[in-house]
């Protein structure tokens, strides 16, 4: 995968909600990944009640999909909480980096337009 591309859009089918979803996968997800495919876990559905795990390869292609409907009695295991938390922290860091980059670009454009 060209590491200069910030993100790609991929699609997957959810067997629980019977819909095809588009998801944006950031190139930052590959940072610090040693084994492929790796799990990328998130919640979706009207009330975020579907736990989705995508298995992503080094080219940010989806190689597998697991979906599970969460019920009130479901508890997350320590590993699930760690996976979800790690994914969220990576996304937060990615957004912070993108925000910083965009702010620099705005400043550069602003300086160039006043010349």
N, C-alpha and C. Protein backbone atom coordinates (compact mmCIF):
# COMPACT_ATOMS: atom_id res chain seq x y z
N UNK A 1 0.85 -1.18 0.00
CA UNK A 1 0.00 0.00 0.00
C UNK A 1 0.88 1.22 0.00
N UNK A 2 0.51 2.22 -0.73
CA UNK A 2 1.24 3.48 -0.76
C UNK A 2 1.03 4.19 0.57
N UNK A 3 2.06 4.32 1.35
CA UNK A 3 1.94 4.90 2.69
C UNK A 3 1.63 6.39 2.65
N UNK A 4 1.73 7.04 1.49
CA UNK A 4 1.42 8.46 1.38
C UNK A 4 -0.08 8.71 1.34
N UNK A 5 -0.86 7.69 1.02
CA UNK A 5 -2.32 7.83 1.01
C UNK A 5 -2.79 7.82 2.46
N UNK A 6 -3.54 8.84 2.85
CA UNK A 6 -3.97 8.98 4.24
C UNK A 6 -5.00 7.94 4.65
N UNK A 7 -5.91 7.61 3.72
CA UNK A 7 -6.95 6.65 4.06
C UNK A 7 -7.56 6.07 2.78
N UNK A 8 -8.28 4.96 2.97
CA UNK A 8 -9.00 4.32 1.87
C UNK A 8 -10.42 4.00 2.34
N UNK A 9 -11.32 3.89 1.38
CA UNK A 9 -12.69 3.51 1.70
C UNK A 9 -12.88 2.07 1.28
N UNK A 10 -13.37 1.26 2.21
CA UNK A 10 -13.65 -0.15 1.93
C UNK A 10 -15.12 -0.42 2.25
N UNK A 11 -15.63 -1.52 1.71
CA UNK A 11 -17.01 -1.92 1.96
C UNK A 11 -17.05 -3.33 2.54
N UNK A 12 -18.05 -3.56 3.38
CA UNK A 12 -18.28 -4.91 3.91
C UNK A 12 -19.77 -5.11 4.09
N UNK A 13 -20.19 -6.36 4.09
CA UNK A 13 -21.60 -6.70 4.28
C UNK A 13 -21.81 -7.18 5.71
N UNK A 14 -22.84 -6.65 6.36
CA UNK A 14 -23.20 -7.08 7.71
C UNK A 14 -24.37 -8.04 7.60
N UNK A 15 -24.16 -9.25 8.08
CA UNK A 15 -25.21 -10.27 8.00
C UNK A 15 -26.33 -10.03 9.02
N UNK A 16 -26.08 -9.18 10.03
CA UNK A 16 -27.12 -8.92 11.03
C UNK A 16 -28.10 -7.84 10.58
N UNK A 17 -27.57 -6.76 10.03
CA UNK A 17 -28.47 -5.68 9.59
C UNK A 17 -28.74 -5.76 8.09
N UNK A 18 -28.12 -6.74 7.42
CA UNK A 18 -28.33 -6.97 5.99
C UNK A 18 -28.07 -5.73 5.14
N UNK A 19 -27.00 -5.01 5.49
CA UNK A 19 -26.63 -3.82 4.73
C UNK A 19 -25.16 -3.88 4.35
N UNK A 20 -24.84 -3.19 3.26
CA UNK A 20 -23.45 -3.00 2.86
C UNK A 20 -23.02 -1.66 3.43
N UNK A 21 -21.90 -1.68 4.13
CA UNK A 21 -21.39 -0.47 4.77
C UNK A 21 -20.07 -0.04 4.15
N UNK A 22 -19.87 1.27 4.08
CA UNK A 22 -18.58 1.83 3.68
C UNK A 22 -17.87 2.27 4.95
N UNK A 23 -16.59 2.00 4.99
CA UNK A 23 -15.80 2.40 6.14
C UNK A 23 -14.48 2.99 5.64
N UNK A 24 -14.06 4.07 6.27
CA UNK A 24 -12.79 4.69 5.94
C UNK A 24 -11.73 4.13 6.87
N UNK A 25 -10.69 3.57 6.27
CA UNK A 25 -9.59 3.00 7.03
C UNK A 25 -8.36 3.87 6.83
N UNK A 26 -7.83 4.36 7.91
CA UNK A 26 -6.67 5.23 7.86
C UNK A 26 -5.39 4.43 7.72
N UNK A 27 -4.45 4.97 6.99
CA UNK A 27 -3.13 4.37 6.85
C UNK A 27 -2.43 4.29 8.22
N UNK A 28 -2.86 5.15 9.15
CA UNK A 28 -2.27 5.14 10.50
C UNK A 28 -2.57 3.84 11.25
N UNK A 29 -3.59 3.11 10.81
CA UNK A 29 -3.91 1.84 11.46
C UNK A 29 -2.76 0.84 11.34
N UNK A 30 -1.94 0.99 10.31
CA UNK A 30 -0.84 0.05 10.07
C UNK A 30 0.35 0.31 10.97
N UNK A 31 0.36 1.47 11.62
CA UNK A 31 1.46 1.82 12.49
C UNK A 31 1.54 0.82 13.65
N UNK A 32 2.70 0.29 13.87
CA UNK A 32 2.97 -0.64 14.98
C UNK A 32 2.27 -1.99 14.84
N UNK A 33 1.79 -2.34 13.66
CA UNK A 33 1.18 -3.65 13.45
C UNK A 33 2.26 -4.60 12.94
N UNK A 34 2.39 -5.74 13.61
CA UNK A 34 3.41 -6.72 13.23
C UNK A 34 2.82 -7.95 12.54
N UNK A 35 1.55 -8.26 12.81
CA UNK A 35 0.93 -9.46 12.27
C UNK A 35 -0.33 -9.09 11.50
N UNK A 36 -0.49 -9.74 10.37
CA UNK A 36 -1.65 -9.49 9.51
C UNK A 36 -2.36 -10.81 9.24
N UNK A 37 -3.65 -10.80 9.03
CA UNK A 37 -4.52 -9.65 9.22
C UNK A 37 -4.68 -9.33 10.70
N UNK A 38 -5.00 -8.07 11.00
CA UNK A 38 -5.20 -7.65 12.38
C UNK A 38 -6.67 -7.29 12.57
N UNK A 39 -7.17 -7.42 13.80
CA UNK A 39 -8.58 -7.10 14.06
C UNK A 39 -8.80 -5.60 14.24
N UNK A 40 -9.86 -5.10 13.64
CA UNK A 40 -10.30 -3.71 13.78
C UNK A 40 -11.74 -3.79 14.25
N UNK A 41 -11.99 -3.39 15.48
CA UNK A 41 -13.29 -3.60 16.13
C UNK A 41 -14.00 -2.28 16.38
N UNK A 42 -15.30 -2.28 16.11
CA UNK A 42 -16.11 -1.08 16.35
C UNK A 42 -17.58 -1.50 16.48
N UNK A 43 -18.41 -0.56 16.91
CA UNK A 43 -19.84 -0.80 17.06
C UNK A 43 -20.60 -0.09 15.94
N UNK A 44 -21.68 -0.70 15.46
CA UNK A 44 -22.55 -0.02 14.51
C UNK A 44 -23.98 -0.47 14.75
N UNK A 45 -24.89 0.04 13.97
CA UNK A 45 -26.31 -0.23 14.14
C UNK A 45 -26.99 1.02 14.67
N UNK A 46 -28.30 1.03 14.61
CA UNK A 46 -29.05 2.21 15.04
C UNK A 46 -28.72 2.62 16.46
N UNK A 47 -28.57 1.64 17.34
CA UNK A 47 -28.24 1.96 18.74
C UNK A 47 -26.87 1.41 19.12
N UNK A 48 -26.02 1.29 18.12
CA UNK A 48 -24.65 0.80 18.33
C UNK A 48 -24.65 -0.53 19.07
N UNK A 49 -25.51 -1.43 18.62
CA UNK A 49 -25.67 -2.71 19.29
C UNK A 49 -25.07 -3.89 18.51
N UNK A 50 -24.31 -3.58 17.46
CA UNK A 50 -23.67 -4.64 16.68
C UNK A 50 -22.16 -4.47 16.79
N UNK A 51 -21.53 -5.46 17.41
CA UNK A 51 -20.07 -5.46 17.54
C UNK A 51 -19.51 -6.04 16.25
N UNK A 52 -18.70 -5.25 15.56
CA UNK A 52 -18.13 -5.66 14.28
C UNK A 52 -16.63 -5.75 14.40
N UNK A 53 -16.07 -6.86 13.94
CA UNK A 53 -14.62 -7.01 13.86
C UNK A 53 -14.27 -7.28 12.41
N UNK A 54 -13.46 -6.37 11.85
CA UNK A 54 -12.94 -6.56 10.50
C UNK A 54 -11.51 -7.03 10.63
N UNK A 55 -11.11 -7.96 9.80
CA UNK A 55 -9.73 -8.42 9.78
C UNK A 55 -9.06 -7.77 8.57
N UNK A 56 -8.08 -6.92 8.84
CA UNK A 56 -7.48 -6.05 7.84
C UNK A 56 -6.06 -6.52 7.52
N UNK A 57 -5.73 -6.57 6.21
CA UNK A 57 -4.38 -6.97 5.82
C UNK A 57 -3.48 -5.75 5.66
N UNK A 58 -2.23 -5.96 5.27
CA UNK A 58 -1.26 -4.86 5.19
C UNK A 58 -1.57 -3.86 4.09
N UNK A 59 -2.51 -4.19 3.19
CA UNK A 59 -2.93 -3.28 2.14
C UNK A 59 -4.27 -2.61 2.47
N UNK A 60 -4.68 -2.72 3.72
CA UNK A 60 -5.95 -2.19 4.21
C UNK A 60 -7.14 -2.80 3.47
N UNK A 61 -6.99 -4.06 3.05
CA UNK A 61 -8.09 -4.81 2.47
C UNK A 61 -8.76 -5.61 3.59
N UNK A 62 -10.07 -5.72 3.51
CA UNK A 62 -10.81 -6.50 4.50
C UNK A 62 -10.73 -7.97 4.11
N UNK A 63 -10.19 -8.81 5.00
CA UNK A 63 -10.02 -10.24 4.72
C UNK A 63 -11.04 -11.10 5.45
N UNK A 64 -11.75 -10.51 6.39
CA UNK A 64 -12.77 -11.26 7.12
C UNK A 64 -13.64 -10.30 7.91
N UNK A 65 -14.87 -10.74 8.20
CA UNK A 65 -15.82 -9.93 8.96
C UNK A 65 -16.50 -10.82 9.98
N UNK A 66 -16.53 -10.38 11.22
CA UNK A 66 -17.33 -11.04 12.26
C UNK A 66 -18.25 -10.00 12.85
N UNK A 67 -19.53 -10.35 12.98
CA UNK A 67 -20.49 -9.44 13.60
C UNK A 67 -21.26 -10.19 14.68
N UNK A 68 -21.57 -9.47 15.73
CA UNK A 68 -22.29 -10.08 16.85
C UNK A 68 -23.21 -9.03 17.45
N UNK A 69 -24.46 -9.39 17.64
CA UNK A 69 -25.41 -8.47 18.26
C UNK A 69 -25.20 -8.49 19.77
N UNK A 70 -25.08 -7.30 20.33
CA UNK A 70 -24.90 -7.19 21.77
C UNK A 70 -26.26 -7.11 22.45
N UNK A 71 -26.36 -7.76 23.57
CA UNK A 71 -27.59 -7.74 24.36
C UNK A 71 -27.26 -7.13 25.71
N UNK A 72 -28.29 -6.78 26.44
CA UNK A 72 -28.08 -6.15 27.75
C UNK A 72 -27.26 -7.02 28.69
N UNK A 73 -27.34 -8.33 28.53
CA UNK A 73 -26.62 -9.23 29.43
C UNK A 73 -25.17 -9.45 29.02
N UNK A 74 -24.77 -8.94 27.84
CA UNK A 74 -23.39 -9.15 27.37
C UNK A 74 -22.41 -8.30 28.17
N UNK A 75 -21.32 -8.91 28.48
CA UNK A 75 -20.22 -8.21 29.11
C UNK A 75 -19.01 -8.35 28.21
N UNK A 76 -18.20 -7.32 28.15
CA UNK A 76 -16.98 -7.39 27.36
C UNK A 76 -15.89 -8.08 28.17
N UNK A 77 -15.15 -8.92 27.50
CA UNK A 77 -14.00 -9.53 28.16
C UNK A 77 -12.88 -8.49 28.23
N UNK A 78 -11.89 -8.78 29.03
CA UNK A 78 -10.74 -7.89 29.15
C UNK A 78 -10.08 -7.69 27.78
N UNK A 79 -9.95 -8.77 27.00
CA UNK A 79 -9.35 -8.66 25.67
C UNK A 79 -10.18 -7.80 24.73
N UNK A 80 -11.51 -7.93 24.79
CA UNK A 80 -12.37 -7.11 23.95
C UNK A 80 -12.27 -5.63 24.32
N UNK A 81 -12.27 -5.35 25.62
CA UNK A 81 -12.14 -3.97 26.07
C UNK A 81 -10.80 -3.40 25.63
N UNK A 82 -9.75 -4.19 25.76
CA UNK A 82 -8.42 -3.74 25.34
C UNK A 82 -8.39 -3.47 23.83
N UNK A 83 -8.97 -4.35 23.04
CA UNK A 83 -9.01 -4.16 21.59
C UNK A 83 -9.78 -2.90 21.22
N UNK A 84 -10.95 -2.73 21.80
CA UNK A 84 -11.77 -1.55 21.52
C UNK A 84 -11.05 -0.28 21.95
N UNK A 85 -10.49 -0.28 23.14
CA UNK A 85 -9.79 0.89 23.66
C UNK A 85 -8.58 1.22 22.80
N UNK A 86 -7.82 0.21 22.42
CA UNK A 86 -6.64 0.43 21.58
C UNK A 86 -7.05 1.05 20.24
N UNK A 87 -8.10 0.52 19.65
CA UNK A 87 -8.58 1.05 18.37
C UNK A 87 -9.01 2.50 18.53
N UNK A 88 -9.74 2.80 19.58
CA UNK A 88 -10.19 4.17 19.81
C UNK A 88 -9.02 5.12 20.04
N UNK A 89 -8.04 4.68 20.78
CA UNK A 89 -6.87 5.52 21.04
C UNK A 89 -6.10 5.79 19.75
N UNK A 90 -6.00 4.79 18.88
CA UNK A 90 -5.33 4.99 17.59
C UNK A 90 -6.10 5.98 16.73
N UNK A 91 -7.42 5.85 16.73
CA UNK A 91 -8.23 6.78 15.95
C UNK A 91 -8.12 8.20 16.49
N UNK A 92 -8.11 8.35 17.81
CA UNK A 92 -7.96 9.68 18.41
C UNK A 92 -6.61 10.28 18.02
N UNK A 93 -5.56 9.49 18.07
CA UNK A 93 -4.23 9.98 17.68
C UNK A 93 -4.22 10.36 16.21
N UNK A 94 -4.83 9.56 15.36
CA UNK A 94 -4.91 9.86 13.94
C UNK A 94 -5.63 11.19 13.72
N UNK A 95 -6.76 11.38 14.38
CA UNK A 95 -7.50 12.63 14.24
C UNK A 95 -6.69 13.82 14.73
N UNK A 96 -5.95 13.64 15.81
CA UNK A 96 -5.11 14.71 16.32
C UNK A 96 -4.04 15.09 15.29
N UNK A 97 -3.41 14.06 14.69
CA UNK A 97 -2.36 14.31 13.69
C UNK A 97 -2.95 14.97 12.44
N UNK A 98 -4.11 14.51 12.00
CA UNK A 98 -4.74 15.11 10.83
C UNK A 98 -5.14 16.55 11.11
N UNK A 99 -5.65 16.81 12.31
CA UNK A 99 -6.03 18.17 12.70
C UNK A 99 -4.81 19.08 12.70
N UNK A 100 -3.71 18.60 13.25
CA UNK A 100 -2.47 19.37 13.28
C UNK A 100 -1.99 19.68 11.86
N UNK A 101 -2.03 18.68 11.00
CA UNK A 101 -1.61 18.85 9.61
C UNK A 101 -2.50 19.85 8.88
N UNK A 102 -3.81 19.75 9.07
CA UNK A 102 -4.73 20.67 8.42
C UNK A 102 -4.54 22.10 8.92
N UNK A 103 -4.29 22.26 10.21
CA UNK A 103 -4.04 23.59 10.75
C UNK A 103 -2.79 24.20 10.13
N UNK A 104 -1.75 23.41 9.94
CA UNK A 104 -0.53 23.89 9.29
C UNK A 104 -0.81 24.30 7.85
N UNK A 105 -1.60 23.49 7.15
CA UNK A 105 -1.95 23.82 5.76
C UNK A 105 -2.75 25.12 5.70
N UNK A 106 -3.69 25.30 6.62
CA UNK A 106 -4.49 26.53 6.65
C UNK A 106 -3.60 27.74 6.88
N UNK A 107 -2.66 27.62 7.80
CA UNK A 107 -1.73 28.72 8.06
C UNK A 107 -0.88 29.02 6.83
N UNK A 108 -0.41 27.98 6.16
CA UNK A 108 0.41 28.17 4.95
C UNK A 108 -0.40 28.85 3.84
N UNK A 109 -1.62 28.39 3.64
CA UNK A 109 -2.48 28.98 2.61
C UNK A 109 -2.78 30.44 2.96
N UNK A 110 -3.05 30.70 4.24
CA UNK A 110 -3.31 32.06 4.69
C UNK A 110 -2.13 32.99 4.45
N UNK A 111 -0.93 32.50 4.74
CA UNK A 111 0.29 33.31 4.52
C UNK A 111 0.51 33.57 3.04
N UNK A 112 0.28 32.54 2.19
CA UNK A 112 0.48 32.69 0.76
C UNK A 112 -0.56 33.60 0.12
N UNK A 113 -1.76 33.64 0.65
CA UNK A 113 -2.81 34.47 0.05
C UNK A 113 -2.65 35.95 0.41
N UNK A 114 -1.89 36.25 1.45
CA UNK A 114 -1.69 37.64 1.83
C UNK A 114 -0.48 38.25 1.14
N UNK A 115 0.24 37.45 0.40
CA UNK A 115 1.45 37.98 -0.31
C UNK A 115 1.07 38.66 -1.59
